[in-house]
Amino acid sequence: MTIFAVLLAFLAGLLIGGLALSAAGRGSRSAAAEGGPYDRILRTALARLASGDHRGAVAALRRATAMRPRDDAVYLLLAEELRRLGDRSRAERGAQVILAARDLDPDVESAAWLLRGRLAEERGETDAALEAYARAESSRPDAAPAIVARGRLLSRLRRWREAIEAAGRLAAVEPERARLIAARRRVLLARELLAEGRPDAALVEAKAALNDAPDLTAARITVGDALFQIGKVQQACAAWLEAARAAPSRAALILDRLEQASSGAPAGAARRLAEELAGTGADWRPLAWLVHDSLLAGRADEAARWFERLQQVAPAAATTSRLAVRLAAARNGSAGALESLLSRWERERVWTDPWRCSRCGRETGEFEWRCPDCQAWDSFH
């Protein structure tokens, strides 16, 4: 591989493989072989990028484009680096110059439209971004980046049917990835249908998601939620319990649901599940639930034993502090305003700590399968 191809591979976010071949065909192979000025400039750009000096890389790429203004791949990479540095106007002009060229390589053309789509998306111009991504996809229908970019934006816009269709097109290129993406989008569609009070339609989507991705915990839980809303409580509980055992870190979601379905759930199901999962260390919330359940049953000594374990794994949690007050009150008695406060706490959800996205840090009181900010999947803990 020439140094030019190495540079193109290093600059992520574009159709790198195709760009490298295109650039090699436009003369960079001979430059690398001769070790001339052009090659040295590209080596400098690569070294700057490796050290994190993106401004230095831009300066080197500018020198390269001055030497060979018709090397579209390098020009495009310069535009992409300008976008990353926040110089969107120059990046936009760069993309326009590339797209105005004749006989443009399909890889370069697709990547240029991708760049324009990203720039439009960053400006909040979603229609323009979708159009640019569609043009990128039409330039290279067999390349994944354009399909993924358009599908991701459709998903952010909650246009689920179109986003699922985009995943279907991706299946021709990356079938395994496409199945997982489609399944996640079906889950999010199903959850919206549940919120709209359409459990039958939600069940269809959730089952389709589970068929595409049998290990997807969100799909299994959503199947249970749809069954519960339809009125099939026992089937719902069975689906939830299966999900909890497959993904112990999501046990708290199941405990909430089993409590809600207490009249139709198997006797003691929530308690048995919490005890089963408390020792796994996957999540501290089952321990909190056991303290809570023991206090409600008037078993203060048992609650104290569970609380000791909870304190070891989640000493700073707000839930732990609240349970400490409840445990002290249960042991020593309480009166007046404290009794009223404790009574209210008993009726509220036991864990008060927010869910936090492990990627971007967003906090939320209600668990979400996809972070609204960074779009990370199953990132709340």
Protein backbone atom coordinates (compact mmCIF):
# COMPACT_ATOMS: atom_id res chain seq x y z
CA MET A 1 0.00 0.00 0.00
CA THR A 2 1.31 3.47 -0.88
CA ILE A 3 1.77 6.15 1.75
CA PHE A 4 -1.14 7.95 0.09
CA ALA A 5 -3.40 4.97 0.72
CA VAL A 6 -2.16 4.81 4.33
CA LEU A 7 -3.11 8.45 4.82
CA LEU A 8 -6.56 7.92 3.37
CA ALA A 9 -7.13 4.90 5.59
CA PHE A 10 -6.12 6.93 8.63
CA LEU A 11 -8.68 9.64 7.96
CA ALA A 12 -11.87 7.94 9.13
CA GLY A 13 -15.42 8.89 8.31
CA LEU A 14 -15.24 8.51 4.55
CA LEU A 15 -15.38 5.64 2.10
CA ILE A 16 -11.73 5.09 2.78
CA GLY A 17 -11.02 1.93 0.86
CA GLY A 18 -12.55 3.20 -2.34
CA LEU A 19 -10.92 6.60 -1.97
CA ALA A 20 -7.49 5.06 -1.57
CA LEU A 21 -7.83 3.08 -4.77
CA SER A 22 -9.16 6.14 -6.57
CA ALA A 23 -6.32 8.32 -5.38
CA ALA A 24 -3.73 5.69 -6.27
CA GLY A 25 -5.13 5.60 -9.78
CA ARG A 26 -4.75 9.37 -10.07
CA GLY A 27 -0.99 9.43 -9.69
CA SER A 28 -0.11 9.07 -6.02
CA ARG A 29 1.47 5.63 -6.60
CA SER A 30 4.25 7.10 -8.72
CA ALA A 31 4.79 9.93 -6.25
CA ALA A 32 5.20 7.48 -3.38
CA ALA A 33 7.62 5.39 -5.40
CA GLU A 34 9.78 8.41 -6.14
CA GLY A 35 9.61 9.72 -2.59
CA GLY A 36 9.16 13.25 -3.98
CA PRO A 37 7.78 16.42 -2.38
CA TYR A 38 4.17 15.32 -2.68
CA ASP A 39 4.86 12.11 -0.83
CA ARG A 40 6.77 13.95 1.89
CA ILE A 41 3.87 16.34 2.41
CA LEU A 42 1.48 13.42 2.79
CA ARG A 43 3.84 11.81 5.30
CA THR A 44 3.84 15.06 7.23
CA ALA A 45 0.04 15.15 7.22
CA LEU A 46 -0.10 11.59 8.51
CA ALA A 47 2.42 12.35 11.26
CA ARG A 48 0.44 15.40 12.32
CA LEU A 49 -2.76 13.37 12.53
CA ALA A 50 -1.03 10.60 14.48
CA SER A 51 0.09 13.17 17.05
CA GLY A 52 -3.35 14.77 17.24
CA ASP A 53 -2.22 17.94 15.50
CA HIS A 54 -5.19 18.38 13.17
CA ARG A 55 -4.34 21.98 12.36
CA GLY A 56 -0.89 20.89 11.26
CA ALA A 57 -2.48 18.15 9.17
CA VAL A 58 -4.76 20.70 7.50
CA ALA A 59 -1.75 22.87 6.66
CA ALA A 60 0.01 19.88 5.09
CA LEU A 61 -3.07 18.85 3.14
CA ARG A 62 -3.43 22.41 1.86
CA ARG A 63 0.12 22.26 0.54
CA ALA A 64 -0.70 18.93 -1.10
CA THR A 65 -3.79 20.33 -2.82
CA ALA A 66 -1.78 23.33 -4.00
CA MET A 67 0.63 20.92 -5.69
CA ARG A 68 -2.13 18.74 -7.17
CA PRO A 69 -5.42 20.63 -7.17
CA ARG A 70 -7.16 17.88 -9.16
CA ASP A 71 -6.42 15.11 -6.69
CA ASP A 72 -10.03 14.96 -5.54
CA ALA A 73 -9.45 12.46 -2.73
CA VAL A 74 -6.90 14.66 -0.94
CA TYR A 75 -9.07 17.73 -1.48
CA LEU A 76 -11.99 15.87 0.05
CA LEU A 77 -9.94 14.77 3.03
CA LEU A 78 -8.90 18.37 3.58
CA ALA A 79 -12.56 19.41 3.56
CA GLU A 80 -13.40 16.69 6.08
CA GLU A 81 -10.61 17.84 8.41
CA LEU A 82 -11.84 21.43 8.14
CA ARG A 83 -15.29 20.23 9.22
CA ARG A 84 -13.79 18.48 12.22
CA LEU A 85 -12.03 21.70 13.20
CA GLY A 86 -15.32 23.60 12.97
CA ASP A 87 -14.55 25.50 9.76
CA ARG A 88 -17.82 24.44 8.15
CA SER A 89 -17.99 27.17 5.51
CA ARG A 90 -14.65 26.18 3.97
CA ALA A 91 -15.55 22.51 4.28
CA GLU A 92 -18.81 23.20 2.42
CA ARG A 93 -16.96 25.07 -0.34
CA GLY A 94 -14.54 22.17 -0.62
CA ALA A 95 -17.37 19.68 -1.08
CA GLN A 96 -18.98 21.95 -3.70
CA VAL A 97 -15.74 22.19 -5.67
CA ILE A 98 -15.34 18.42 -5.68
CA LEU A 99 -18.94 17.78 -6.75
CA ALA A 100 -18.59 20.29 -9.59
CA ALA A 101 -15.82 18.21 -11.18
CA ARG A 102 -16.47 16.05 -14.22
CA ASP A 103 -15.90 12.30 -14.39
CA LEU A 104 -15.85 12.10 -10.62
CA ASP A 105 -14.96 8.75 -9.09
CA PRO A 106 -18.10 7.21 -7.50
CA ASP A 107 -16.31 6.71 -4.18
CA VAL A 108 -15.20 10.33 -4.03
CA GLU A 109 -18.62 11.56 -5.16
CA SER A 110 -20.39 9.52 -2.49
CA ALA A 111 -17.99 10.72 0.20
CA ALA A 112 -18.45 14.34 -0.88
CA TRP A 113 -22.23 14.02 -0.57
CA LEU A 114 -21.74 12.40 2.82
CA LEU A 115 -19.68 15.39 3.90
CA ARG A 116 -22.39 17.78 2.71
CA GLY A 117 -24.96 15.73 4.59
CA ARG A 118 -22.99 15.92 7.83
CA LEU A 119 -22.56 19.65 7.43
CA ALA A 120 -26.28 20.13 6.79
CA GLU A 121 -27.13 17.95 9.78
CA GLU A 122 -24.82 19.99 12.01
CA ARG A 123 -26.63 23.14 10.88
CA GLY A 124 -29.97 21.55 11.74
CA GLU A 125 -31.07 21.35 8.10
CA THR A 126 -32.44 17.83 8.24
CA ASP A 127 -34.18 17.85 4.85
CA ALA A 128 -31.00 18.97 3.11
CA ALA A 129 -29.02 16.35 5.03
CA LEU A 130 -31.41 13.57 4.02
CA GLU A 131 -31.20 14.66 0.39
CA ALA A 132 -27.39 14.69 0.52
CA TYR A 133 -27.29 11.24 2.11
CA ALA A 134 -29.66 9.94 -0.57
CA ARG A 135 -27.32 11.32 -3.26
CA ALA A 136 -24.38 9.67 -1.52
CA GLU A 137 -26.22 6.36 -1.50
CA SER A 138 -27.16 6.64 -5.18
CA SER A 139 -23.49 7.27 -6.05
CA ARG A 140 -22.43 4.06 -4.31
CA PRO A 141 -25.48 1.85 -3.57
CA ASP A 142 -23.25 -0.98 -2.38
CA ALA A 143 -21.40 1.07 0.26
CA ALA A 144 -22.55 1.11 3.87
CA PRO A 145 -21.63 4.63 5.16
CA ALA A 146 -24.29 6.52 3.19
CA ILE A 147 -27.02 4.02 4.06
CA VAL A 148 -26.04 4.12 7.73
CA ALA A 149 -25.89 7.93 7.85
CA ARG A 150 -29.33 8.35 6.30
CA GLY A 151 -30.86 5.64 8.47
CA ARG A 152 -29.37 7.14 11.62
CA LEU A 153 -30.81 10.57 10.84
CA LEU A 154 -34.23 9.07 10.06
CA SER A 155 -34.03 7.30 13.40
CA ARG A 156 -33.21 10.53 15.22
CA LEU A 157 -36.22 12.09 13.54
CA ARG A 158 -38.30 9.12 14.76
CA ARG A 159 -39.29 8.23 11.21
CA TRP A 160 -39.09 4.58 12.14
CA ARG A 161 -40.58 2.96 9.06
CA GLU A 162 -38.15 4.73 6.76
CA ALA A 163 -35.28 4.00 9.14
CA ILE A 164 -36.17 0.30 9.15
CA GLU A 165 -36.30 0.33 5.34
CA ALA A 166 -32.80 1.83 5.32
CA ALA A 167 -31.60 -1.04 7.48
CA GLY A 168 -33.14 -3.39 4.91
CA ARG A 169 -30.96 -1.85 2.20
CA LEU A 170 -27.93 -2.20 4.44
CA ALA A 171 -28.60 -5.95 4.63
CA ALA A 172 -27.25 -6.37 1.10
CA VAL A 173 -23.89 -5.02 2.28
CA GLU A 174 -23.59 -5.95 5.98
CA PRO A 175 -26.37 -8.44 6.82
CA GLU A 176 -25.51 -9.06 10.49
CA ARG A 177 -25.17 -5.39 11.33
CA ALA A 178 -28.35 -4.60 9.40
CA ARG A 179 -30.39 -7.15 11.34
CA LEU A 180 -29.31 -5.69 14.67
CA ILE A 181 -29.97 -2.11 13.56
CA ALA A 182 -33.41 -3.03 12.21
CA ALA A 183 -34.26 -4.87 15.43
CA ARG A 184 -33.32 -1.88 17.60
CA ARG A 185 -35.40 0.45 15.47
CA ARG A 186 -38.36 -1.92 15.65
CA VAL A 187 -38.06 -1.89 19.44
CA LEU A 188 -38.14 1.91 19.51
CA LEU A 189 -41.13 1.90 17.17
CA ALA A 190 -42.86 -0.66 19.40
CA ARG A 191 -42.28 1.48 22.47
CA GLU A 192 -43.87 4.46 20.75
CA LEU A 193 -46.84 2.29 19.79
CA LEU A 194 -47.17 1.22 23.44
CA ALA A 195 -47.13 4.86 24.53
CA GLU A 196 -49.92 5.51 22.03
CA GLY A 197 -51.98 2.66 23.49
CA ARG A 198 -51.56 0.31 20.52
CA PRO A 199 -50.21 -2.87 22.14
CA ASP A 200 -51.23 -5.24 19.33
CA ALA A 201 -49.19 -3.29 16.76
CA ALA A 202 -46.36 -2.98 19.28
CA LEU A 203 -46.34 -6.74 19.84
CA VAL A 204 -45.94 -7.36 16.09
CA GLU A 205 -42.91 -5.04 15.93
CA ALA A 206 -41.36 -6.39 19.14
CA LYS A 207 -41.69 -9.99 17.96
CA ALA A 208 -40.16 -9.06 14.60
CA ALA A 209 -37.26 -7.44 16.46
CA LEU A 210 -36.82 -10.55 18.59
CA ASN A 211 -36.82 -12.69 15.46
CA ASP A 212 -34.07 -10.52 13.93
CA ALA A 213 -32.01 -10.39 17.13
CA PRO A 214 -32.90 -13.18 19.61
CA ASP A 215 -30.38 -11.87 22.16
CA LEU A 216 -31.77 -8.33 22.20
CA THR A 217 -32.97 -7.77 25.77
CA ALA A 218 -34.96 -4.68 24.82
CA ALA A 219 -37.02 -6.72 22.36
CA ARG A 220 -37.83 -9.40 24.93
CA ILE A 221 -38.85 -6.84 27.56
CA THR A 222 -40.97 -4.99 25.01
CA VAL A 223 -42.73 -8.23 24.06
CA GLY A 224 -43.61 -8.59 27.75
CA ASP A 225 -44.79 -4.99 27.97
CA ALA A 226 -47.08 -5.44 24.96
CA LEU A 227 -48.50 -8.69 26.35
CA PHE A 228 -49.13 -6.99 29.69
CA GLN A 229 -50.92 -4.07 28.06
CA ILE A 230 -53.05 -6.52 26.07
CA GLY A 231 -53.96 -8.27 29.33
CA LYS A 232 -51.91 -11.46 29.02
CA VAL A 233 -50.20 -10.98 32.37
CA GLN A 234 -48.78 -14.47 32.89
CA GLN A 235 -47.21 -14.51 29.43
CA ALA A 236 -45.83 -11.04 30.07
CA CYS A 237 -44.24 -12.14 33.35
CA ALA A 238 -42.67 -15.16 31.64
CA ALA A 239 -41.13 -12.90 28.98
CA TRP A 240 -39.82 -10.48 31.61
CA LEU A 241 -38.28 -13.21 33.74
CA GLU A 242 -36.56 -14.69 30.71
CA ALA A 243 -35.16 -11.26 29.86
CA ALA A 244 -33.90 -10.70 33.41
CA ARG A 245 -32.02 -13.99 33.47
CA ALA A 246 -30.49 -13.29 30.08
CA ALA A 247 -29.42 -9.76 31.11
CA PRO A 248 -28.98 -9.44 34.91
CA SER A 249 -27.89 -5.81 34.56
CA ARG A 250 -31.45 -4.98 33.50
CA ALA A 251 -33.09 -6.76 36.44
CA ALA A 252 -34.30 -3.48 37.93
CA LEU A 253 -36.54 -2.92 34.92
CA ILE A 254 -38.09 -6.35 35.44
CA LEU A 255 -38.63 -5.86 39.17
CA ASP A 256 -40.57 -2.68 38.43
CA ARG A 257 -42.76 -4.59 36.00
CA LEU A 258 -43.33 -7.59 38.27
CA GLU A 259 -44.46 -5.25 41.06
CA GLN A 260 -46.85 -3.57 38.65
CA ALA A 261 -48.22 -6.99 37.65
CA SER A 262 -48.37 -8.32 41.21
CA SER A 263 -51.95 -9.56 40.91
CA GLY A 264 -51.15 -11.72 37.88
CA ALA A 265 -47.50 -12.56 38.49
CA PRO A 266 -46.46 -15.86 40.06
CA ALA A 267 -46.46 -15.59 43.86
CA GLY A 268 -43.12 -14.27 45.09
CA ALA A 269 -41.71 -13.97 41.56
CA ALA A 270 -40.15 -10.55 42.13
CA ARG A 271 -38.61 -11.64 45.43
CA ARG A 272 -37.11 -14.79 43.95
CA LEU A 273 -35.73 -12.88 40.99
CA ALA A 274 -34.16 -10.22 43.21
CA GLU A 275 -32.52 -12.85 45.42
CA GLU A 276 -31.30 -14.76 42.37
CA LEU A 277 -29.70 -11.70 40.82
CA ALA A 278 -28.46 -9.92 43.95
CA GLY A 279 -25.35 -12.05 44.04
CA THR A 280 -24.36 -11.52 40.41
CA GLY A 281 -23.02 -8.01 40.98
CA ALA A 282 -24.49 -6.92 37.65
CA ASP A 283 -26.53 -4.14 39.26
CA TRP A 284 -27.04 -2.83 42.79
CA ARG A 285 -30.76 -2.19 42.37
CA PRO A 286 -31.92 -5.76 43.19
CA LEU A 287 -30.22 -5.35 46.60
CA ALA A 288 -32.07 -2.07 47.12
CA TRP A 289 -35.32 -3.76 46.18
CA LEU A 290 -34.70 -6.54 48.72
CA VAL A 291 -34.10 -3.98 51.49
CA HIS A 292 -37.31 -2.22 50.48
CA ASP A 293 -39.34 -5.45 50.31
CA SER A 294 -38.05 -6.64 53.69
CA LEU A 295 -38.95 -3.30 55.30
CA LEU A 296 -42.47 -3.44 53.85
CA ALA A 297 -42.85 -6.93 55.31
CA GLY A 298 -41.71 -5.69 58.75
CA ARG A 299 -38.51 -7.76 58.73
CA ALA A 300 -36.03 -5.14 59.87
CA ASP A 301 -33.22 -7.58 60.70
CA GLU A 302 -33.42 -9.15 57.26
CA ALA A 303 -33.52 -5.68 55.70
CA ALA A 304 -30.37 -4.79 57.65
CA ARG A 305 -28.52 -7.78 56.21
CA TRP A 306 -29.42 -6.81 52.65
CA PHE A 307 -28.62 -3.17 53.43
CA GLU A 308 -25.11 -4.09 54.57
CA ARG A 309 -24.44 -5.60 51.15
CA LEU A 310 -26.03 -2.64 49.40
CA GLN A 311 -23.81 -0.23 51.30
CA GLN A 312 -20.74 -2.09 50.09
CA VAL A 313 -21.61 -1.83 46.39
CA ALA A 314 -23.46 1.53 46.23
CA PRO A 315 -22.39 3.64 49.22
CA ALA A 316 -22.89 6.98 47.46
CA ALA A 317 -26.29 6.26 45.93
CA ALA A 318 -29.18 8.46 46.99
CA THR A 319 -31.27 5.30 47.23
CA THR A 320 -28.87 3.90 49.83
CA SER A 321 -29.20 7.06 51.95
CA ARG A 322 -32.98 6.97 51.77
CA LEU A 323 -33.08 3.28 52.72
CA ALA A 324 -30.75 4.00 55.64
CA VAL A 325 -33.33 6.43 57.04
CA ARG A 326 -36.14 3.93 56.53
CA LEU A 327 -34.13 1.16 58.19
CA ALA A 328 -33.28 3.36 61.20
CA ALA A 329 -36.93 4.34 61.54
CA ALA A 330 -38.02 0.71 61.39
CA ARG A 331 -35.60 -0.24 64.15
CA ASN A 332 -36.12 2.72 66.45
CA GLY A 333 -39.66 3.87 65.67
CA SER A 334 -40.67 7.21 64.23
CA ALA A 335 -43.37 9.81 64.66
CA GLY A 336 -45.02 12.87 63.17
CA ALA A 337 -43.71 14.32 59.95
CA LEU A 338 -41.12 11.54 59.62
CA GLU A 339 -43.87 8.91 59.50
CA SER A 340 -45.63 10.85 56.75
CA LEU A 341 -42.40 11.16 54.80
CA LEU A 342 -41.59 7.47 55.19
CA SER A 343 -45.09 6.50 54.13
CA ARG A 344 -44.69 8.51 50.94
CA TRP A 345 -41.28 6.95 50.28
CA GLU A 346 -42.76 3.48 50.63
CA ARG A 347 -45.22 4.23 47.85
CA GLU A 348 -42.56 5.60 45.51
CA ARG A 349 -40.12 3.63 43.40
CA VAL A 350 -37.40 2.31 45.64
CA TRP A 351 -34.41 3.58 43.63
CA THR A 352 -34.27 7.34 43.29
CA ASP A 353 -30.88 7.63 41.58
CA PRO A 354 -31.07 8.71 37.93
CA TRP A 355 -29.99 6.51 35.07
CA ARG A 356 -26.76 7.81 33.53
CA CYS A 357 -25.52 7.35 29.95
CA SER A 358 -22.08 5.75 30.03
CA ARG A 359 -21.09 7.51 26.80
CA CYS A 360 -22.18 11.15 27.14
CA GLY A 361 -23.18 11.41 30.82
CA ARG A 362 -26.84 12.35 30.28
CA GLU A 363 -29.01 11.61 33.31
CA THR A 364 -32.68 10.69 33.25
CA GLY A 365 -35.25 9.58 35.78
CA GLU A 366 -36.81 7.12 33.34
CA PHE A 367 -34.75 4.41 31.70
CA GLU A 368 -34.35 4.77 27.93
CA TRP A 369 -32.96 2.19 25.53
CA ARG A 370 -31.35 4.83 23.31
CA CYS A 371 -29.72 7.99 24.62
CA PRO A 372 -31.54 11.03 23.14
CA ASP A 373 -28.30 13.02 23.12
CA CYS A 374 -25.56 10.73 21.78
CA GLN A 375 -27.83 8.01 20.33
CA ALA A 376 -25.88 5.28 22.15
CA TRP A 377 -27.84 2.05 22.52
CA ASP A 378 -28.39 0.42 25.93
CA SER A 379 -25.94 2.83 27.55
CA PHE A 380 -27.88 3.86 30.69
CA HIS A 381 -26.70 2.37 33.97
